[in-house]
Amino acid sequence: MENKDTNELLFYASTTSNSLIRKRCKAVFLVLDGESKSAVSEELVCSRTSIHDWVKIYKDIGIYGLLSTRNEKDVKNWLNSFPEVISRVSQENPDKNIEVYFQDETRFGQQGILVRQWSEVGNRPVRERQIEYKNAWIFGAVNPLTGAHHGIVTTHAATDFMQEFIDSFSLTIQKKSHAVLILDNASWHHSADLSVPKNITLHFLPPYSPELNPSECLWKFIKSRFLCNRLYGSLEEIIEAGVEAWRKVTSKIVQSVCACNFLPTCVFRGF
């Protein structure tokens, strides 16, 4: 047995509801307990390569590396291949300028958001936090380089509203441009009923990688400044607040909050 405390491996191997995480933790425990990778591979029906990788992850970064449901190799491959994706889209649209946008959506409403606020010394302001269940969604797309952005407010997140969003976004793209829209793997993004306009190419993020989508930072900014410390009496009030909040977003805010340093500069050079 290795010197590492493996009680945590047994705990997660027996309690977690995620079958992949259970398999990872049990495989690592068995290997560290002295079983061969071949025997563990046969018992758990997984490859010896996977077992080798799981053991290495556990030794390098601990249990939390096994609890992640995303594949770090996929993330690395996505980043490395992204310039090639932009180049391919550029070749397919030789007379167009390629613009990169990041798309996402966020829910807000009666699950109140409280943040700190200024007050006089000695005065402690009191705010009521709403815990009801009406909510709305903001669908948005941002270009971190230019600050261009487009959004709509909807009552829920589904394919029909995604279609409405992508159609309206298509109308904002200049005739000399073609947009690469980067987005996550929500079901309404992949729906067979979604019709993608000709001036947009969808490019999906690897699973469980929100840090690769800078629009996530914009949602935090909006909620902490424009949608906080307030109460809503109806769905109409929620939608109106969302519209007002989005209208306060400027190009400078997008460029600052959504600054995208993790991608190569060549991605935004303007093919």
Protein backbone atom coordinates (compact mmCIF):
# COMPACT_ATOMS: atom_id res chain seq x y z
CA MET A 1 0.00 0.00 0.00
CA GLU A 2 1.22 3.50 -0.82
CA ASN A 3 1.79 6.02 1.95
CA LYS A 4 -1.17 8.06 0.76
CA ASP A 5 -4.30 7.92 2.89
CA THR A 6 -6.66 5.90 0.73
CA ASN A 7 -9.72 6.08 2.99
CA GLU A 8 -11.04 8.84 0.75
CA LEU A 9 -10.86 6.49 -2.24
CA LEU A 10 -13.00 3.90 -0.47
CA PHE A 11 -15.45 6.57 0.64
CA TYR A 12 -16.11 7.91 -2.86
CA ALA A 13 -16.00 4.44 -4.42
CA SER A 14 -18.92 3.41 -2.20
CA THR A 15 -20.98 6.59 -1.83
CA THR A 16 -20.92 8.63 -5.04
CA SER A 17 -23.79 8.24 -7.50
CA ASN A 18 -21.52 8.80 -10.50
CA SER A 19 -20.53 5.38 -11.89
CA LEU A 20 -17.39 6.70 -13.60
CA ILE A 21 -16.10 8.31 -10.41
CA ARG A 22 -16.83 5.10 -8.49
CA LYS A 23 -14.84 3.12 -11.04
CA ARG A 24 -11.91 5.56 -10.96
CA CYS A 25 -11.67 5.55 -7.16
CA LYS A 26 -11.99 1.78 -6.87
CA ALA A 27 -9.40 1.19 -9.60
CA VAL A 28 -6.85 3.48 -7.97
CA PHE A 29 -7.47 1.93 -4.55
CA LEU A 30 -6.97 -1.61 -5.88
CA VAL A 31 -3.74 -0.69 -7.69
CA LEU A 32 -2.34 1.08 -4.64
CA ASP A 33 -3.37 -1.96 -2.59
CA GLY A 34 -1.13 -4.14 -4.71
CA GLU A 35 -3.33 -5.56 -7.46
CA SER A 36 -1.99 -5.54 -11.00
CA LYS A 37 -3.45 -3.16 -13.56
CA SER A 38 -4.32 -6.15 -15.74
CA ALA A 39 -6.38 -7.72 -12.96
CA VAL A 40 -8.10 -4.43 -12.14
CA SER A 41 -8.77 -3.83 -15.84
CA GLU A 42 -10.50 -7.21 -16.12
CA GLU A 43 -12.48 -6.79 -12.90
CA LEU A 44 -13.76 -3.27 -13.61
CA VAL A 45 -13.96 -3.59 -17.43
CA CYS A 46 -11.73 -0.65 -18.27
CA SER A 47 -8.44 -0.22 -20.09
CA ARG A 48 -5.04 -0.41 -18.42
CA THR A 49 -4.24 2.96 -19.99
CA SER A 50 -7.18 4.57 -18.18
CA ILE A 51 -6.11 2.97 -14.91
CA HIS A 52 -2.55 4.24 -15.40
CA ASP A 53 -3.87 7.78 -16.02
CA TRP A 54 -6.16 7.68 -12.97
CA VAL A 55 -3.34 6.56 -10.68
CA LYS A 56 -1.09 9.31 -12.02
CA ILE A 57 -3.80 11.94 -11.52
CA TYR A 58 -4.36 10.77 -7.95
CA LYS A 59 -0.66 10.89 -7.16
CA ASP A 60 -0.22 14.29 -8.78
CA ILE A 61 -3.25 16.26 -7.53
CA GLY A 62 -5.15 14.00 -5.17
CA ILE A 63 -8.74 12.86 -4.94
CA TYR A 64 -10.22 15.93 -6.62
CA GLY A 65 -8.58 14.98 -9.88
CA LEU A 66 -10.63 11.78 -9.87
CA LEU A 67 -13.87 13.55 -8.96
CA SER A 68 -13.80 15.74 -12.05
CA THR A 69 -16.10 14.48 -14.80
CA ARG A 70 -14.30 16.32 -17.55
CA ASN A 71 -11.39 15.09 -19.61
CA GLU A 72 -8.34 17.35 -19.32
CA LYS A 73 -6.93 15.95 -22.54
CA ASP A 74 -10.08 17.10 -24.35
CA VAL A 75 -9.62 20.59 -22.95
CA LYS A 76 -5.98 20.71 -24.03
CA ASN A 77 -6.81 19.37 -27.48
CA TRP A 78 -9.62 21.91 -27.85
CA LEU A 79 -7.28 24.80 -27.06
CA ASN A 80 -4.54 23.51 -29.36
CA SER A 81 -6.89 22.90 -32.28
CA PHE A 82 -8.84 26.14 -32.02
CA PRO A 83 -6.64 28.16 -34.43
CA GLU A 84 -7.09 25.37 -36.98
CA VAL A 85 -10.86 25.61 -36.59
CA ILE A 86 -10.76 29.35 -37.27
CA SER A 87 -8.50 28.78 -40.27
CA ARG A 88 -10.90 26.16 -41.67
CA VAL A 89 -13.92 28.45 -41.27
CA SER A 90 -11.94 31.21 -42.95
CA GLN A 91 -11.16 28.96 -45.92
CA GLU A 92 -14.83 28.02 -46.20
CA ASN A 93 -15.75 31.73 -46.21
CA PRO A 94 -12.87 33.35 -48.15
CA ASP A 95 -14.64 36.66 -48.72
CA LYS A 96 -15.60 37.13 -45.06
CA ASN A 97 -13.95 38.47 -41.93
CA ILE A 98 -14.13 35.84 -39.19
CA GLU A 99 -15.43 37.12 -35.85
CA VAL A 100 -15.31 35.00 -32.68
CA TYR A 101 -18.22 35.19 -30.23
CA PHE A 102 -18.89 33.29 -27.03
CA GLN A 103 -22.49 32.36 -26.27
CA ASP A 104 -24.14 31.38 -23.02
CA GLU A 105 -27.31 31.86 -21.01
CA THR A 106 -27.99 32.52 -17.34
CA ARG A 107 -31.01 32.29 -15.08
CA PHE A 108 -32.02 35.01 -12.63
CA GLY A 109 -35.09 35.99 -10.65
CA GLN A 110 -36.65 35.47 -7.26
CA GLN A 111 -33.77 33.47 -5.82
CA GLY A 112 -32.34 36.76 -4.62
CA ILE A 113 -28.74 37.94 -4.97
CA LEU A 114 -27.27 39.94 -2.08
CA VAL A 115 -23.99 41.83 -2.37
CA ARG A 116 -22.07 44.28 -0.21
CA GLN A 117 -22.93 47.96 -0.40
CA TRP A 118 -21.57 51.25 0.84
CA SER A 119 -23.02 52.75 4.03
CA GLU A 120 -22.14 55.28 6.70
CA VAL A 121 -19.77 54.19 9.45
CA GLY A 122 -21.73 52.57 12.25
CA ASN A 123 -24.73 51.79 10.04
CA ARG A 124 -25.34 48.21 8.95
CA PRO A 125 -27.86 48.17 6.09
CA VAL A 126 -30.40 45.35 6.01
CA ARG A 127 -31.56 43.76 2.77
CA GLU A 128 -34.28 41.16 2.32
CA ARG A 129 -33.32 38.10 0.28
CA GLN A 130 -36.11 36.72 -1.86
CA ILE A 131 -36.47 32.92 -1.97
CA GLU A 132 -39.36 32.40 -4.37
CA TYR A 133 -39.21 30.58 -7.68
CA LYS A 134 -40.19 32.76 -10.64
CA ASN A 135 -37.23 33.34 -12.96
CA ALA A 136 -36.19 34.35 -16.45
CA TRP A 137 -33.14 33.79 -18.65
CA ILE A 138 -30.70 36.00 -20.51
CA PHE A 139 -29.28 34.54 -23.73
CA GLY A 140 -26.15 36.42 -24.75
CA ALA A 141 -23.17 36.41 -27.10
CA VAL A 142 -20.03 38.49 -26.67
CA ASN A 143 -16.96 39.27 -28.74
CA PRO A 144 -14.12 39.85 -26.23
CA LEU A 145 -11.96 41.61 -28.83
CA THR A 146 -14.38 44.24 -30.13
CA GLY A 147 -16.84 44.34 -27.25
CA ALA A 148 -19.74 43.61 -29.60
CA HIS A 149 -22.58 41.83 -27.84
CA HIS A 150 -26.13 40.68 -28.41
CA GLY A 151 -28.75 39.33 -26.03
CA ILE A 152 -32.40 38.56 -25.45
CA VAL A 153 -34.40 37.88 -22.28
CA THR A 154 -36.66 34.82 -22.24
CA THR A 155 -39.00 33.03 -19.85
CA HIS A 156 -37.10 29.74 -20.03
CA ALA A 157 -34.22 28.00 -21.77
CA ALA A 158 -35.22 25.74 -24.65
CA THR A 159 -34.68 25.17 -28.35
CA ASP A 160 -37.36 27.63 -29.45
CA PHE A 161 -35.72 30.49 -27.56
CA MET A 162 -32.28 29.42 -28.74
CA GLN A 163 -33.64 29.64 -32.27
CA GLU A 164 -35.02 33.10 -31.59
CA PHE A 165 -31.68 34.16 -30.16
CA ILE A 166 -29.52 32.81 -32.96
CA ASP A 167 -31.82 34.27 -35.65
CA SER A 168 -31.71 37.73 -34.07
CA PHE A 169 -27.95 37.44 -33.54
CA SER A 170 -27.51 36.56 -37.21
CA LEU A 171 -29.10 39.87 -38.18
CA THR A 172 -26.47 41.82 -36.23
CA ILE A 173 -23.54 40.31 -38.14
CA GLN A 174 -22.24 42.57 -40.89
CA LYS A 175 -22.50 41.31 -44.47
CA LYS A 176 -18.70 41.19 -44.80
CA SER A 177 -18.37 39.01 -41.69
CA HIS A 178 -18.95 35.42 -40.58
CA ALA A 179 -19.32 34.54 -36.90
CA VAL A 180 -17.85 31.55 -35.10
CA LEU A 181 -20.13 31.09 -32.10
CA ILE A 182 -18.54 29.16 -29.25
CA LEU A 183 -20.99 27.55 -26.84
CA ASP A 184 -21.39 24.77 -24.33
CA ASN A 185 -23.20 21.47 -24.69
CA ALA A 186 -26.66 22.34 -23.39
CA SER A 187 -29.32 20.17 -25.02
CA TRP A 188 -30.98 23.11 -26.78
CA HIS A 189 -27.64 23.96 -28.42
CA HIS A 190 -27.46 20.50 -29.99
CA SER A 191 -31.12 20.12 -30.87
CA ALA A 192 -31.88 18.67 -34.30
CA ASP A 193 -34.66 21.24 -34.55
CA LEU A 194 -32.19 24.14 -34.34
CA SER A 195 -31.63 25.82 -37.70
CA VAL A 196 -28.28 27.62 -37.82
CA PRO A 197 -28.08 30.68 -40.12
CA LYS A 198 -25.53 30.55 -42.93
CA ASN A 199 -23.45 33.38 -41.50
CA ILE A 200 -22.80 31.50 -38.24
CA THR A 201 -20.66 28.45 -37.47
CA LEU A 202 -21.21 26.73 -34.13
CA HIS A 203 -18.15 25.42 -32.27
CA PHE A 204 -18.74 23.51 -29.05
CA LEU A 205 -16.65 23.64 -25.91
CA PRO A 206 -15.38 20.44 -24.31
CA PRO A 207 -17.70 19.19 -21.53
CA TYR A 208 -17.46 20.74 -18.07
CA SER A 209 -15.16 23.61 -19.02
CA PRO A 210 -16.97 26.87 -18.15
CA GLU A 211 -13.64 28.64 -17.60
CA LEU A 212 -13.15 28.54 -21.39
CA ASN A 213 -16.26 30.67 -21.89
CA PRO A 214 -15.58 34.31 -20.90
CA SER A 215 -19.29 35.15 -21.07
CA GLU A 216 -19.53 33.39 -17.69
CA CYS A 217 -17.64 36.36 -16.24
CA LEU A 218 -20.19 38.75 -17.71
CA TRP A 219 -23.05 36.98 -15.91
CA LYS A 220 -21.26 37.43 -12.58
CA PHE A 221 -20.71 41.11 -13.38
CA ILE A 222 -24.33 41.73 -14.34
CA LYS A 223 -25.78 39.91 -11.34
CA SER A 224 -23.48 41.59 -8.83
CA ARG A 225 -24.16 45.09 -10.15
CA PHE A 226 -27.50 45.27 -11.93
CA LEU A 227 -29.62 42.39 -10.58
CA CYS A 228 -28.71 42.37 -6.90
CA ASN A 229 -30.34 43.57 -3.68
CA ARG A 230 -33.82 43.69 -5.17
CA LEU A 231 -37.20 41.97 -5.02
CA TYR A 232 -39.51 40.94 -7.85
CA GLY A 233 -43.29 40.73 -7.60
CA SER A 234 -43.98 39.08 -10.96
CA LEU A 235 -42.39 37.46 -13.99
CA GLU A 236 -42.96 40.68 -15.92
CA GLU A 237 -40.84 42.58 -13.39
CA ILE A 238 -38.08 39.99 -13.69
CA ILE A 239 -38.03 40.21 -17.50
CA GLU A 240 -38.01 44.02 -17.39
CA ALA A 241 -35.08 43.96 -14.94
CA GLY A 242 -33.18 41.60 -17.25
CA VAL A 243 -33.73 43.87 -20.24
CA GLU A 244 -32.59 46.91 -18.27
CA ALA A 245 -29.52 45.06 -17.02
CA TRP A 246 -28.49 43.96 -20.50
CA ARG A 247 -28.92 47.49 -21.86
CA LYS A 248 -26.41 48.71 -19.28
CA VAL A 249 -23.73 46.41 -20.72
CA THR A 250 -21.34 48.41 -22.90
CA SER A 251 -18.61 47.39 -25.31
CA LYS A 252 -15.98 48.56 -22.83
CA ILE A 253 -17.53 46.38 -20.11
CA VAL A 254 -17.42 43.34 -22.41
CA GLN A 255 -13.81 44.01 -23.41
CA SER A 256 -12.78 44.37 -19.77
CA VAL A 257 -14.84 41.67 -18.06
CA CYS A 258 -14.57 39.10 -20.87
CA ALA A 259 -10.89 39.61 -21.68
CA CYS A 260 -9.85 36.30 -23.18
CA ASN A 261 -6.19 35.57 -22.42
CA PHE A 262 -6.26 31.79 -22.63
CA LEU A 263 -6.59 31.62 -26.42
CA PRO A 264 -3.74 32.30 -28.87
CA THR A 265 -3.60 35.82 -30.28
CA CYS A 266 -3.91 34.43 -33.78
CA VAL A 267 -7.52 33.49 -33.04
CA PHE A 268 -8.49 37.16 -33.12
CA ARG A 269 -6.17 38.47 -35.79
CA GLY A 270 -8.93 38.85 -38.40
CA PHE A 271 -8.59 36.22 -41.12
